[in-house]
């Protein structure tokens, strides 16, 4: 049985990814900073680990076939009104911790065995929207990171993926103002698309996948 490691297990997309991975017969180890630990019940082959502050504190104890980084913070204030600690934490959770964890997971890595690293981006990286500058910057940085990692591991069985979505029907997505929530992407549909790509055994590789909304409704 293949196994997966997922960071940021409390998010709406993360929960759908776990379900999609389970349906594909993949055991999932979940890592989360969630405060309400009672909400997490290990099901099937899943295990749950909790970290108090930095995701980078977590040290994997075994190799994984698939690693998914879904953790992110979404400050929604003008930069001048955003506390510097909020800026630092958003950059840490959305980028720095992910790079540090990738570094850990690559130690002693067998380049001949397929391993998939999946990062969750956003269409905000390509457009940029007011009052979300920190989030947009973090997601834009992931674009460069994934490109660089694929270049470093060119010709090996290791793949680095970036899935960048439009607004989804999640708790984070509901923070977006001025748009019709009825047009938001269904996270279950997105999760199926991601897991389908990660589990495909063919030679096709789409390192940077952008999933946009076909219709965007604007509220009056």
Protein backbone atom coordinates (compact mmCIF):
# COMPACT_ATOMS: atom_id res chain seq x y z
CA UNK A 1 0.00 0.00 0.00
CA UNK A 2 1.25 3.49 -0.85
CA UNK A 3 1.41 6.07 1.89
CA UNK A 4 1.02 9.83 2.01
CA UNK A 5 1.94 12.61 4.42
CA UNK A 6 -0.33 15.65 4.54
CA UNK A 7 0.47 18.92 6.33
CA UNK A 8 -2.31 21.32 7.33
CA UNK A 9 -5.00 18.75 8.01
CA UNK A 10 -7.69 21.10 9.34
CA UNK A 11 -8.37 22.93 6.06
CA UNK A 12 -11.36 22.32 3.82
CA UNK A 13 -9.30 21.12 0.86
CA UNK A 14 -7.10 18.99 3.13
CA UNK A 15 -10.10 17.05 4.42
CA UNK A 16 -11.25 16.32 0.88
CA UNK A 17 -7.74 15.28 -0.12
CA UNK A 18 -7.60 12.80 2.75
CA UNK A 19 -10.93 11.32 1.65
CA UNK A 20 -9.80 11.10 -2.00
CA UNK A 21 -6.51 9.47 -1.00
CA UNK A 22 -8.36 6.94 1.13
CA UNK A 23 -10.61 6.04 -1.81
CA UNK A 24 -7.46 5.48 -3.86
CA UNK A 25 -6.24 3.00 -1.25
CA UNK A 26 -3.50 5.26 0.12
CA UNK A 27 -2.79 5.48 3.86
CA UNK A 28 -2.50 9.05 5.10
CA UNK A 29 -0.51 10.50 8.00
CA UNK A 30 -1.85 13.95 8.91
CA UNK A 31 0.05 16.79 10.57
CA UNK A 32 -1.87 19.80 11.89
CA UNK A 33 -1.51 22.85 14.12
CA UNK A 34 -5.24 22.75 14.91
CA UNK A 35 -6.03 23.75 18.48
CA UNK A 36 -9.19 21.70 18.80
CA UNK A 37 -7.70 18.23 18.76
CA UNK A 38 -11.01 16.60 19.56
CA UNK A 39 -12.10 17.27 15.97
CA UNK A 40 -9.48 14.81 14.68
CA UNK A 41 -10.32 11.14 14.86
CA UNK A 42 -7.90 8.72 13.22
CA UNK A 43 -9.88 6.66 10.72
CA UNK A 44 -8.81 3.57 8.83
CA UNK A 45 -5.06 3.66 8.28
CA UNK A 46 -4.73 7.35 9.10
CA UNK A 47 -2.64 8.74 11.94
CA UNK A 48 -2.71 12.33 13.21
CA UNK A 49 0.24 14.28 14.64
CA UNK A 50 -0.08 17.71 16.27
CA UNK A 51 2.49 20.50 16.30
CA UNK A 52 2.10 23.52 18.54
CA UNK A 53 3.92 26.24 16.65
CA UNK A 54 6.11 25.50 13.63
CA UNK A 55 5.34 22.76 11.14
CA UNK A 56 9.10 22.57 10.69
CA UNK A 57 9.27 21.07 14.21
CA UNK A 58 7.85 17.85 12.77
CA UNK A 59 10.37 15.21 11.72
CA UNK A 60 9.07 12.37 9.51
CA UNK A 61 10.01 8.93 10.79
CA UNK A 62 9.63 7.08 7.49
CA UNK A 63 9.66 7.72 3.74
CA UNK A 64 6.44 8.61 1.93
CA UNK A 65 5.27 8.07 -1.63
CA UNK A 66 3.27 11.32 -1.64
CA UNK A 67 3.74 14.47 0.43
CA UNK A 68 1.11 17.22 0.36
CA UNK A 69 1.58 20.73 1.74
CA UNK A 70 -1.85 22.28 2.23
CA UNK A 71 -1.11 24.63 5.13
CA UNK A 72 -1.65 28.33 4.52
CA UNK A 73 -2.76 31.54 6.22
CA UNK A 74 -4.90 34.20 4.56
CA UNK A 75 -4.51 37.73 5.98
CA UNK A 76 -7.13 40.03 4.44
CA UNK A 77 -6.03 43.54 5.39
CA UNK A 78 -4.07 46.26 3.60
CA UNK A 79 -0.35 45.70 4.11
CA UNK A 80 0.05 48.96 6.03
CA UNK A 81 -2.59 47.76 8.51
CA UNK A 82 -1.19 44.24 8.91
CA UNK A 83 0.80 43.45 12.04
CA UNK A 84 4.39 42.42 11.29
CA UNK A 85 3.94 39.19 13.28
CA UNK A 86 1.03 38.24 11.01
CA UNK A 87 3.21 38.83 7.95
CA UNK A 88 6.00 36.68 9.37
CA UNK A 89 3.68 33.82 10.38
CA UNK A 90 1.93 33.75 6.99
CA UNK A 91 5.30 33.57 5.23
CA UNK A 92 6.51 30.85 7.60
CA UNK A 93 3.43 28.63 7.32
CA UNK A 94 2.86 29.11 3.60
CA UNK A 95 6.46 28.99 2.38
CA UNK A 96 9.36 28.70 4.83
CA UNK A 97 8.05 25.68 6.75
CA UNK A 98 7.26 23.93 3.49
CA UNK A 99 10.79 24.46 2.20
CA UNK A 100 12.27 23.28 5.50
CA UNK A 101 10.08 20.17 5.53
CA UNK A 102 10.96 19.42 1.92
CA UNK A 103 14.63 19.66 2.90
CA UNK A 104 14.07 17.12 5.71
CA UNK A 105 12.20 14.71 3.48
CA UNK A 106 14.89 14.80 0.81
CA UNK A 107 17.61 13.63 3.19
CA UNK A 108 18.70 10.16 2.08
CA UNK A 109 16.09 10.28 -0.68
CA UNK A 110 16.21 7.55 -3.36
CA UNK A 111 15.94 9.41 -6.67
CA UNK A 112 15.17 6.18 -8.55
CA UNK A 113 11.93 5.62 -6.60
CA UNK A 114 8.96 7.74 -7.51
CA UNK A 115 8.03 10.31 -4.91
CA UNK A 116 5.56 13.15 -5.40
CA UNK A 117 5.70 16.47 -3.55
CA UNK A 118 2.47 18.46 -3.91
CA UNK A 119 2.15 22.16 -3.05
CA UNK A 120 -1.09 24.14 -3.04
CA UNK A 121 -0.81 27.44 -4.85
CA UNK A 122 -3.45 29.95 -5.90
CA UNK A 123 -4.49 31.93 -8.94
CA UNK A 124 -3.73 34.91 -6.70
CA UNK A 125 -0.06 34.26 -7.47
CA UNK A 126 -0.67 35.21 -11.09
CA UNK A 127 -3.06 38.12 -10.61
CA UNK A 128 -2.50 39.80 -7.26
CA UNK A 129 -5.41 41.25 -5.31
CA UNK A 130 -5.60 44.17 -2.92
CA UNK A 131 -5.65 43.45 0.82
CA UNK A 132 -4.11 40.01 0.26
CA UNK A 133 -0.56 41.02 -0.65
CA UNK A 134 1.12 38.64 1.82
CA UNK A 135 -0.90 35.66 0.59
CA UNK A 136 -0.27 36.57 -3.06
CA UNK A 137 3.47 36.92 -2.43
CA UNK A 138 3.70 33.55 -0.66
CA UNK A 139 1.85 31.75 -3.45
CA UNK A 140 3.97 33.47 -6.10
CA UNK A 141 7.10 32.30 -4.29
CA UNK A 142 5.85 28.70 -4.45
CA UNK A 143 5.79 28.98 -8.25
CA UNK A 144 9.53 29.68 -8.32
CA UNK A 145 10.29 27.06 -5.69
CA UNK A 146 8.53 24.25 -7.55
CA UNK A 147 10.14 25.20 -10.85
CA UNK A 148 13.59 25.19 -9.24
CA UNK A 149 13.02 21.84 -7.54
CA UNK A 150 11.89 20.19 -10.75
CA UNK A 151 15.05 21.48 -12.41
CA UNK A 152 17.19 20.11 -9.59
CA UNK A 153 15.56 16.69 -9.92
CA UNK A 154 15.25 16.59 -13.71
CA UNK A 155 15.74 13.07 -15.03
CA UNK A 156 14.80 11.43 -11.72
CA UNK A 157 11.62 9.76 -10.48
CA UNK A 158 10.92 12.65 -8.08
CA UNK A 159 8.16 15.05 -9.08
CA UNK A 160 7.20 18.42 -7.64
CA UNK A 161 3.67 19.61 -8.35
CA UNK A 162 1.96 22.97 -7.92
CA UNK A 163 -1.83 23.10 -8.05
CA UNK A 164 -3.11 26.68 -8.18
CA UNK A 165 -6.86 27.10 -7.74
CA UNK A 166 -9.39 29.85 -7.90
CA UNK A 167 -11.50 30.50 -4.82
CA UNK A 168 -12.92 27.33 -3.28
CA UNK A 169 -16.00 26.74 -1.13
CA UNK A 170 -14.02 26.48 2.10
CA UNK A 171 -13.73 28.48 5.31
CA UNK A 172 -10.80 30.37 3.79
CA UNK A 173 -12.68 30.99 0.56
CA UNK A 174 -15.60 32.50 2.43
CA UNK A 175 -13.28 35.30 3.57
CA UNK A 176 -13.19 36.58 -0.02
CA UNK A 177 -15.54 39.56 -0.33
CA UNK A 178 -17.39 40.88 -3.33
CA UNK A 179 -17.81 37.56 -5.15
CA UNK A 180 -20.71 35.13 -5.43
CA UNK A 181 -19.98 32.03 -3.27
CA UNK A 182 -22.19 29.97 -5.59
CA UNK A 183 -19.42 30.21 -8.22
CA UNK A 184 -16.67 28.94 -5.89
CA UNK A 185 -14.94 25.67 -6.75
CA UNK A 186 -16.04 22.54 -4.93
CA UNK A 187 -13.01 21.35 -2.89
CA UNK A 188 -14.09 17.72 -3.43
CA UNK A 189 -13.79 18.20 -7.20
CA UNK A 190 -10.39 19.84 -6.78
CA UNK A 191 -9.19 17.03 -4.50
CA UNK A 192 -10.20 14.38 -7.05
CA UNK A 193 -8.27 16.24 -9.74
CA UNK A 194 -5.15 16.46 -7.57
CA UNK A 195 -5.19 12.85 -6.41
CA UNK A 196 -5.88 11.67 -9.94
CA UNK A 197 -2.73 13.41 -11.16
CA UNK A 198 -0.58 12.22 -8.26
CA UNK A 199 -1.61 8.59 -8.69
CA UNK A 200 -1.38 8.41 -12.48
CA UNK A 201 1.26 5.84 -13.44
CA UNK A 202 1.89 7.18 -16.94
CA UNK A 203 4.73 9.35 -18.14
CA UNK A 204 2.65 12.52 -18.33
CA UNK A 205 3.67 15.23 -15.88
CA UNK A 206 1.98 18.59 -15.37
CA UNK A 207 4.22 20.39 -12.87
CA UNK A 208 2.09 23.53 -12.76
CA UNK A 209 -1.66 23.07 -12.94
CA UNK A 210 -4.00 26.06 -12.78
CA UNK A 211 -7.66 25.39 -12.00
CA UNK A 212 -9.79 28.48 -12.56
CA UNK A 213 -13.48 29.12 -12.16
CA UNK A 214 -15.31 29.19 -15.47
CA UNK A 215 -17.80 31.73 -14.13
CA UNK A 216 -17.16 34.38 -11.49
CA UNK A 217 -20.22 36.08 -10.09
CA UNK A 218 -19.86 39.53 -8.56
CA UNK A 219 -22.13 40.62 -5.75
CA UNK A 220 -23.80 44.00 -5.83
